[in-house]
Amino acid sequence: MKISKFAAPKIAMALALALAVGKAIVGYMSGSLAVMSSAIDSLTDIFASGMNYFFLKKADVPPDHDHPFGHGKMEAYALFLQSVFLFLIGAALLIESVKRVKAPTAPEVDVATVAMMIISMLVSVFLSVMLRRVA
């Protein structure tokens, strides 16, 4: 089945949302910063996919009077905004990690935590393959 370049970000966002919700629940219940970080990573995937969808639509617009060479550079804006967002998330995780080093707490690792991360890994592999084919 062929997936269009406009459908791929929508699929990626839906799967990332499902993963983010599942990871956030499991991360909160287990107290695991690693699982919560993974939930945040899934949220960044949603943000990135949304940005990609928006900017791909803009970049696909044919040349006009104001943009005689087309709108292809819109993708660079998406990349810039995604990198700023990732930097801010990384800084927040760094701060929380330092807090946990100063006052350690042991997370509860149970079957739900491991199962969620295995599901996450499988979905991520699927998304990588799908997005590579579309690209």
N, C-alpha and C. Protein backbone atom coordinates (compact mmCIF):
# COMPACT_ATOMS: atom_id res chain seq x y z
N MET A 1 0.85 -1.18 0.00
CA MET A 1 0.00 0.00 0.00
C MET A 1 0.89 1.24 0.00
N LYS A 2 0.64 2.15 -0.91
CA LYS A 2 1.41 3.39 -1.02
C LYS A 2 0.79 4.45 -0.13
N ILE A 3 1.63 5.08 0.67
CA ILE A 3 1.18 6.13 1.57
C ILE A 3 1.69 7.47 1.04
N SER A 4 0.82 8.45 0.94
CA SER A 4 1.22 9.75 0.40
C SER A 4 2.05 10.52 1.42
N LYS A 5 2.78 11.51 0.92
CA LYS A 5 3.62 12.32 1.81
C LYS A 5 2.77 13.16 2.75
N PHE A 6 1.50 13.34 2.45
CA PHE A 6 0.63 14.10 3.34
C PHE A 6 -0.08 13.20 4.35
N ALA A 7 -0.25 11.93 4.01
CA ALA A 7 -0.88 10.99 4.95
C ALA A 7 0.11 10.51 5.99
N ALA A 8 1.38 10.39 5.61
CA ALA A 8 2.40 9.86 6.53
C ALA A 8 2.52 10.66 7.83
N PRO A 9 2.58 12.00 7.78
CA PRO A 9 2.65 12.73 9.05
C PRO A 9 1.41 12.54 9.93
N LYS A 10 0.23 12.40 9.29
CA LYS A 10 -0.99 12.17 10.07
C LYS A 10 -0.93 10.82 10.79
N ILE A 11 -0.47 9.80 10.08
CA ILE A 11 -0.32 8.47 10.70
C ILE A 11 0.71 8.53 11.82
N ALA A 12 1.82 9.20 11.56
CA ALA A 12 2.87 9.33 12.58
C ALA A 12 2.35 10.06 13.81
N MET A 13 1.56 11.11 13.61
CA MET A 13 1.00 11.85 14.75
C MET A 13 0.04 11.00 15.56
N ALA A 14 -0.81 10.24 14.89
CA ALA A 14 -1.78 9.41 15.60
C ALA A 14 -1.07 8.33 16.43
N LEU A 15 -0.08 7.68 15.84
CA LEU A 15 0.66 6.65 16.59
C LEU A 15 1.48 7.26 17.71
N ALA A 16 2.09 8.41 17.47
CA ALA A 16 2.87 9.07 18.51
C ALA A 16 1.98 9.51 19.67
N LEU A 17 0.76 9.96 19.37
CA LEU A 17 -0.17 10.35 20.43
C LEU A 17 -0.54 9.15 21.28
N ALA A 18 -0.84 8.04 20.63
CA ALA A 18 -1.18 6.82 21.38
C ALA A 18 0.00 6.39 22.25
N LEU A 19 1.20 6.43 21.71
CA LEU A 19 2.39 6.07 22.49
C LEU A 19 2.62 7.05 23.64
N ALA A 20 2.47 8.34 23.37
CA ALA A 20 2.69 9.34 24.41
C ALA A 20 1.74 9.15 25.58
N VAL A 21 0.48 8.90 25.30
CA VAL A 21 -0.50 8.69 26.36
C VAL A 21 -0.16 7.44 27.16
N GLY A 22 0.12 6.35 26.45
CA GLY A 22 0.48 5.10 27.13
C GLY A 22 1.72 5.24 27.98
N LYS A 23 2.76 5.86 27.43
CA LYS A 23 4.00 6.04 28.17
C LYS A 23 3.82 6.98 29.36
N ALA A 24 3.04 8.03 29.18
CA ALA A 24 2.82 8.97 30.28
C ALA A 24 2.11 8.29 31.45
N ILE A 25 1.12 7.48 31.14
CA ILE A 25 0.41 6.75 32.19
C ILE A 25 1.34 5.79 32.91
N VAL A 26 2.07 4.99 32.13
CA VAL A 26 2.99 4.01 32.72
C VAL A 26 4.13 4.72 33.45
N GLY A 27 4.65 5.79 32.86
CA GLY A 27 5.73 6.54 33.51
C GLY A 27 5.30 7.16 34.82
N TYR A 28 4.10 7.70 34.84
CA TYR A 28 3.58 8.30 36.08
C TYR A 28 3.37 7.24 37.15
N MET A 29 2.80 6.12 36.74
CA MET A 29 2.52 5.05 37.71
C MET A 29 3.80 4.43 38.25
N SER A 30 4.83 4.32 37.40
CA SER A 30 6.07 3.69 37.84
C SER A 30 7.04 4.69 38.46
N GLY A 31 6.87 5.96 38.17
CA GLY A 31 7.80 6.96 38.68
C GLY A 31 9.11 6.98 37.89
N SER A 32 9.12 6.39 36.72
CA SER A 32 10.34 6.28 35.92
C SER A 32 10.54 7.52 35.06
N LEU A 33 11.66 8.21 35.29
CA LEU A 33 11.98 9.37 34.48
C LEU A 33 12.30 8.95 33.05
N ALA A 34 12.87 7.76 32.88
CA ALA A 34 13.18 7.27 31.53
C ALA A 34 11.90 7.08 30.71
N VAL A 35 10.87 6.51 31.33
CA VAL A 35 9.61 6.30 30.60
C VAL A 35 8.92 7.64 30.36
N MET A 36 8.97 8.54 31.34
CA MET A 36 8.40 9.87 31.15
C MET A 36 9.14 10.62 30.04
N SER A 37 10.46 10.46 29.98
CA SER A 37 11.25 11.09 28.92
C SER A 37 10.84 10.53 27.57
N SER A 38 10.57 9.25 27.53
CA SER A 38 10.12 8.63 26.29
C SER A 38 8.74 9.15 25.90
N ALA A 39 7.88 9.41 26.89
CA ALA A 39 6.56 10.00 26.60
C ALA A 39 6.74 11.40 26.01
N ILE A 40 7.66 12.15 26.59
CA ILE A 40 7.94 13.49 26.06
C ILE A 40 8.50 13.39 24.65
N ASP A 41 9.34 12.39 24.41
CA ASP A 41 9.88 12.17 23.07
C ASP A 41 8.74 11.91 22.08
N SER A 42 7.76 11.13 22.49
CA SER A 42 6.61 10.88 21.63
C SER A 42 5.83 12.17 21.37
N LEU A 43 5.72 13.02 22.38
CA LEU A 43 5.05 14.31 22.19
C LEU A 43 5.83 15.17 21.19
N THR A 44 7.16 15.12 21.27
CA THR A 44 7.95 15.88 20.29
C THR A 44 7.75 15.31 18.89
N ASP A 45 7.54 14.00 18.79
CA ASP A 45 7.24 13.41 17.49
C ASP A 45 5.93 13.96 16.93
N ILE A 46 4.95 14.13 17.81
CA ILE A 46 3.66 14.70 17.39
C ILE A 46 3.89 16.12 16.88
N PHE A 47 4.62 16.89 17.66
CA PHE A 47 4.91 18.27 17.27
C PHE A 47 5.65 18.30 15.94
N ALA A 48 6.69 17.47 15.81
CA ALA A 48 7.48 17.45 14.58
C ALA A 48 6.64 17.02 13.38
N SER A 49 5.81 16.00 13.56
CA SER A 49 4.96 15.54 12.46
C SER A 49 3.95 16.61 12.07
N GLY A 50 3.40 17.29 13.05
CA GLY A 50 2.47 18.38 12.76
C GLY A 50 3.15 19.50 12.00
N MET A 51 4.35 19.84 12.44
CA MET A 51 5.12 20.88 11.75
C MET A 51 5.43 20.42 10.32
N ASN A 52 5.86 19.18 10.17
CA ASN A 52 6.19 18.66 8.85
C ASN A 52 4.97 18.72 7.93
N TYR A 53 3.83 18.31 8.44
CA TYR A 53 2.61 18.34 7.63
C TYR A 53 2.31 19.77 7.18
N PHE A 54 2.33 20.70 8.13
CA PHE A 54 2.02 22.10 7.84
C PHE A 54 3.00 22.67 6.81
N PHE A 55 4.30 22.47 7.06
CA PHE A 55 5.29 23.07 6.18
C PHE A 55 5.41 22.33 4.84
N LEU A 56 5.12 21.02 4.80
CA LEU A 56 5.09 20.32 3.51
C LEU A 56 3.96 20.86 2.65
N LYS A 57 2.82 21.14 3.27
CA LYS A 57 1.70 21.73 2.53
C LYS A 57 2.10 23.09 1.96
N LYS A 58 2.77 23.89 2.80
CA LYS A 58 3.21 25.21 2.35
C LYS A 58 4.27 25.11 1.26
N ALA A 59 5.21 24.16 1.42
CA ALA A 59 6.29 24.00 0.44
C ALA A 59 5.78 23.46 -0.89
N ASP A 60 4.64 22.79 -0.87
CA ASP A 60 4.08 22.18 -2.08
C ASP A 60 3.34 23.20 -2.96
N VAL A 61 3.13 24.40 -2.44
CA VAL A 61 2.44 25.44 -3.21
C VAL A 61 3.34 25.84 -4.39
N PRO A 62 2.77 25.93 -5.59
CA PRO A 62 3.60 26.29 -6.75
C PRO A 62 4.13 27.72 -6.66
N PRO A 63 5.16 28.02 -7.45
CA PRO A 63 5.71 29.38 -7.44
C PRO A 63 4.63 30.42 -7.73
N ASP A 64 4.80 31.59 -7.14
CA ASP A 64 3.88 32.70 -7.38
C ASP A 64 4.69 33.98 -7.51
N HIS A 65 4.00 35.11 -7.53
CA HIS A 65 4.67 36.40 -7.72
C HIS A 65 5.70 36.69 -6.62
N ASP A 66 5.34 36.42 -5.37
CA ASP A 66 6.25 36.69 -4.25
C ASP A 66 7.33 35.63 -4.08
N HIS A 67 7.11 34.44 -4.62
CA HIS A 67 8.04 33.32 -4.47
C HIS A 67 8.28 32.69 -5.85
N PRO A 68 9.06 33.35 -6.70
CA PRO A 68 9.23 32.86 -8.08
C PRO A 68 9.94 31.50 -8.16
N PHE A 69 10.66 31.10 -7.13
CA PHE A 69 11.36 29.82 -7.13
C PHE A 69 10.62 28.77 -6.29
N GLY A 70 9.42 29.08 -5.89
CA GLY A 70 8.62 28.13 -5.10
C GLY A 70 8.74 28.38 -3.60
N HIS A 71 8.14 27.49 -2.84
CA HIS A 71 8.06 27.63 -1.39
C HIS A 71 8.85 26.53 -0.67
N GLY A 72 9.80 25.92 -1.35
CA GLY A 72 10.54 24.78 -0.80
C GLY A 72 11.32 25.08 0.47
N LYS A 73 11.70 26.33 0.67
CA LYS A 73 12.48 26.67 1.86
C LYS A 73 11.65 26.62 3.14
N MET A 74 10.36 26.44 3.02
CA MET A 74 9.50 26.34 4.20
C MET A 74 9.94 25.17 5.08
N GLU A 75 10.51 24.13 4.48
CA GLU A 75 10.96 22.98 5.25
C GLU A 75 12.08 23.38 6.22
N ALA A 76 12.89 24.35 5.85
CA ALA A 76 13.96 24.81 6.74
C ALA A 76 13.37 25.47 7.99
N TYR A 77 12.25 26.15 7.85
CA TYR A 77 11.58 26.73 9.02
C TYR A 77 11.11 25.64 9.98
N ALA A 78 10.58 24.57 9.41
CA ALA A 78 10.13 23.45 10.25
C ALA A 78 11.31 22.88 11.02
N LEU A 79 12.42 22.69 10.36
CA LEU A 79 13.61 22.15 11.01
C LEU A 79 14.09 23.06 12.13
N PHE A 80 14.10 24.36 11.88
CA PHE A 80 14.53 25.30 12.91
C PHE A 80 13.62 25.24 14.14
N LEU A 81 12.32 25.30 13.92
CA LEU A 81 11.38 25.28 15.05
C LEU A 81 11.46 23.96 15.82
N GLN A 82 11.64 22.86 15.11
CA GLN A 82 11.78 21.57 15.77
C GLN A 82 13.04 21.53 16.62
N SER A 83 14.13 22.09 16.14
CA SER A 83 15.37 22.06 16.91
C SER A 83 15.27 22.93 18.16
N VAL A 84 14.60 24.07 18.07
CA VAL A 84 14.39 24.91 19.25
C VAL A 84 13.55 24.16 20.29
N PHE A 85 12.48 23.53 19.82
CA PHE A 85 11.60 22.78 20.71
C PHE A 85 12.37 21.65 21.39
N LEU A 86 13.17 20.89 20.63
CA LEU A 86 13.94 19.79 21.20
C LEU A 86 14.98 20.30 22.20
N PHE A 87 15.58 21.44 21.93
CA PHE A 87 16.53 22.02 22.87
C PHE A 87 15.86 22.34 24.20
N LEU A 88 14.68 22.93 24.14
CA LEU A 88 13.95 23.28 25.37
C LEU A 88 13.55 22.03 26.15
N ILE A 89 13.07 21.01 25.46
CA ILE A 89 12.71 19.75 26.12
C ILE A 89 13.94 19.12 26.75
N GLY A 90 15.05 19.12 26.02
CA GLY A 90 16.30 18.56 26.54
C GLY A 90 16.76 19.29 27.80
N ALA A 91 16.64 20.60 27.80
CA ALA A 91 17.03 21.38 28.97
C ALA A 91 16.15 21.04 30.18
N ALA A 92 14.85 20.89 29.95
CA ALA A 92 13.94 20.52 31.04
C ALA A 92 14.27 19.14 31.59
N LEU A 93 14.58 18.20 30.72
CA LEU A 93 14.95 16.85 31.17
C LEU A 93 16.28 16.86 31.91
N LEU A 94 17.21 17.69 31.48
CA LEU A 94 18.49 17.81 32.18
C LEU A 94 18.28 18.33 33.59
N ILE A 95 17.44 19.33 33.74
CA ILE A 95 17.15 19.89 35.07
C ILE A 95 16.52 18.83 35.97
N GLU A 96 15.54 18.09 35.44
CA GLU A 96 14.89 17.04 36.24
C GLU A 96 15.87 15.93 36.58
N SER A 97 16.76 15.59 35.67
CA SER A 97 17.76 14.55 35.93
C SER A 97 18.70 14.97 37.06
N VAL A 98 19.12 16.21 37.05
CA VAL A 98 20.00 16.71 38.12
C VAL A 98 19.28 16.65 39.46
N LYS A 99 18.00 17.02 39.47
CA LYS A 99 17.21 16.92 40.71
C LYS A 99 17.17 15.48 41.21
N ARG A 100 17.01 14.53 40.29
CA ARG A 100 16.93 13.12 40.69
C ARG A 100 18.28 12.59 41.15
N VAL A 101 19.37 13.13 40.64
CA VAL A 101 20.69 12.71 41.11
C VAL A 101 20.89 13.20 42.54
N LYS A 102 20.43 14.40 42.82
CA LYS A 102 20.56 14.97 44.16
C LYS A 102 19.64 14.28 45.16
N ALA A 103 18.46 13.87 44.74
CA ALA A 103 17.50 13.20 45.62
C ALA A 103 16.96 11.97 44.89
N PRO A 104 17.73 10.87 44.87
CA PRO A 104 17.33 9.70 44.08
C PRO A 104 16.06 9.03 44.59
N THR A 105 15.28 8.55 43.62
CA THR A 105 14.11 7.73 43.91
C THR A 105 14.15 6.54 42.98
N ALA A 106 13.78 5.40 43.49
CA ALA A 106 13.80 4.17 42.67
C ALA A 106 12.46 4.00 41.97
N PRO A 107 12.49 3.89 40.64
CA PRO A 107 11.22 3.66 39.92
C PRO A 107 10.77 2.21 40.10
N GLU A 108 9.48 2.00 39.94
CA GLU A 108 8.92 0.65 39.99
C GLU A 108 8.90 0.11 38.57
N VAL A 109 9.73 -0.87 38.32
CA VAL A 109 9.75 -1.50 37.00
C VAL A 109 8.90 -2.75 37.08
N ASP A 110 7.82 -2.77 36.30
CA ASP A 110 6.92 -3.91 36.31
C ASP A 110 6.63 -4.34 34.88
N VAL A 111 5.74 -5.29 34.73
CA VAL A 111 5.41 -5.84 33.41
C VAL A 111 4.84 -4.75 32.50
N ALA A 112 3.99 -3.87 33.04
CA ALA A 112 3.38 -2.82 32.23
C ALA A 112 4.45 -1.88 31.67
N THR A 113 5.45 -1.57 32.47
CA THR A 113 6.52 -0.67 32.02
C THR A 113 7.30 -1.30 30.87
N VAL A 114 7.70 -2.54 31.06
CA VAL A 114 8.47 -3.24 30.03
C VAL A 114 7.63 -3.44 28.77
N ALA A 115 6.37 -3.83 28.94
CA ALA A 115 5.48 -4.05 27.79
C ALA A 115 5.29 -2.75 27.01
N MET A 116 5.09 -1.64 27.70
CA MET A 116 4.90 -0.36 27.02
C MET A 116 6.13 0.01 26.20
N MET A 117 7.30 -0.23 26.74
CA MET A 117 8.52 0.12 26.02
C MET A 117 8.75 -0.81 24.83
N ILE A 118 8.37 -2.07 24.94
CA ILE A 118 8.49 -3.00 23.80
C ILE A 118 7.52 -2.59 22.70
N ILE A 119 6.29 -2.26 23.07
CA ILE A 119 5.30 -1.78 22.09
C ILE A 119 5.82 -0.52 21.42
N SER A 120 6.37 0.37 22.21
CA SER A 120 6.91 1.62 21.69
C SER A 120 8.02 1.35 20.67
N MET A 121 8.88 0.41 20.99
CA MET A 121 9.98 0.08 20.09
C MET A 121 9.44 -0.46 18.76
N LEU A 122 8.46 -1.35 18.83
CA LEU A 122 7.89 -1.93 17.61
C LEU A 122 7.19 -0.87 16.75
N VAL A 123 6.44 0.00 17.39
CA VAL A 123 5.75 1.06 16.64
C VAL A 123 6.79 2.01 16.03
N SER A 124 7.85 2.31 16.75
CA SER A 124 8.89 3.20 16.23
C SER A 124 9.57 2.59 15.00
N VAL A 125 9.82 1.30 15.03
CA VAL A 125 10.41 0.62 13.86
C VAL A 125 9.45 0.73 12.68
N PHE A 126 8.17 0.46 12.91
CA PHE A 126 7.17 0.57 11.85
C PHE A 126 7.16 1.98 11.27
N LEU A 127 7.14 2.99 12.14
CA LEU A 127 7.12 4.38 11.67
C LEU A 127 8.37 4.72 10.87
N SER A 128 9.52 4.27 11.31
CA SER A 128 10.77 4.54 10.60
C SER A 128 10.74 3.97 9.20
N VAL A 129 10.28 2.74 9.09
CA VAL A 129 10.19 2.09 7.77
C VAL A 129 9.20 2.83 6.88
N MET A 130 8.03 3.16 7.44
CA MET A 130 7.00 3.86 6.67
C MET A 130 7.51 5.22 6.19
N LEU A 131 8.10 6.00 7.09
CA LEU A 131 8.55 7.34 6.74
C LEU A 131 9.71 7.30 5.76
N ARG A 132 10.55 6.29 5.87
CA ARG A 132 11.66 6.16 4.91
C ARG A 132 11.12 5.88 3.51
N ARG A 133 10.10 5.03 3.43
CA ARG A 133 9.51 4.72 2.11
C ARG A 133 8.85 5.95 1.50
N VAL A 134 8.18 6.73 2.34
CA VAL A 134 7.51 7.93 1.84
C VAL A 134 8.53 8.99 1.41
N ALA A 135 9.60 9.11 2.17
CA ALA A 135 10.62 10.12 1.86
C ALA A 135 11.30 9.79 0.55
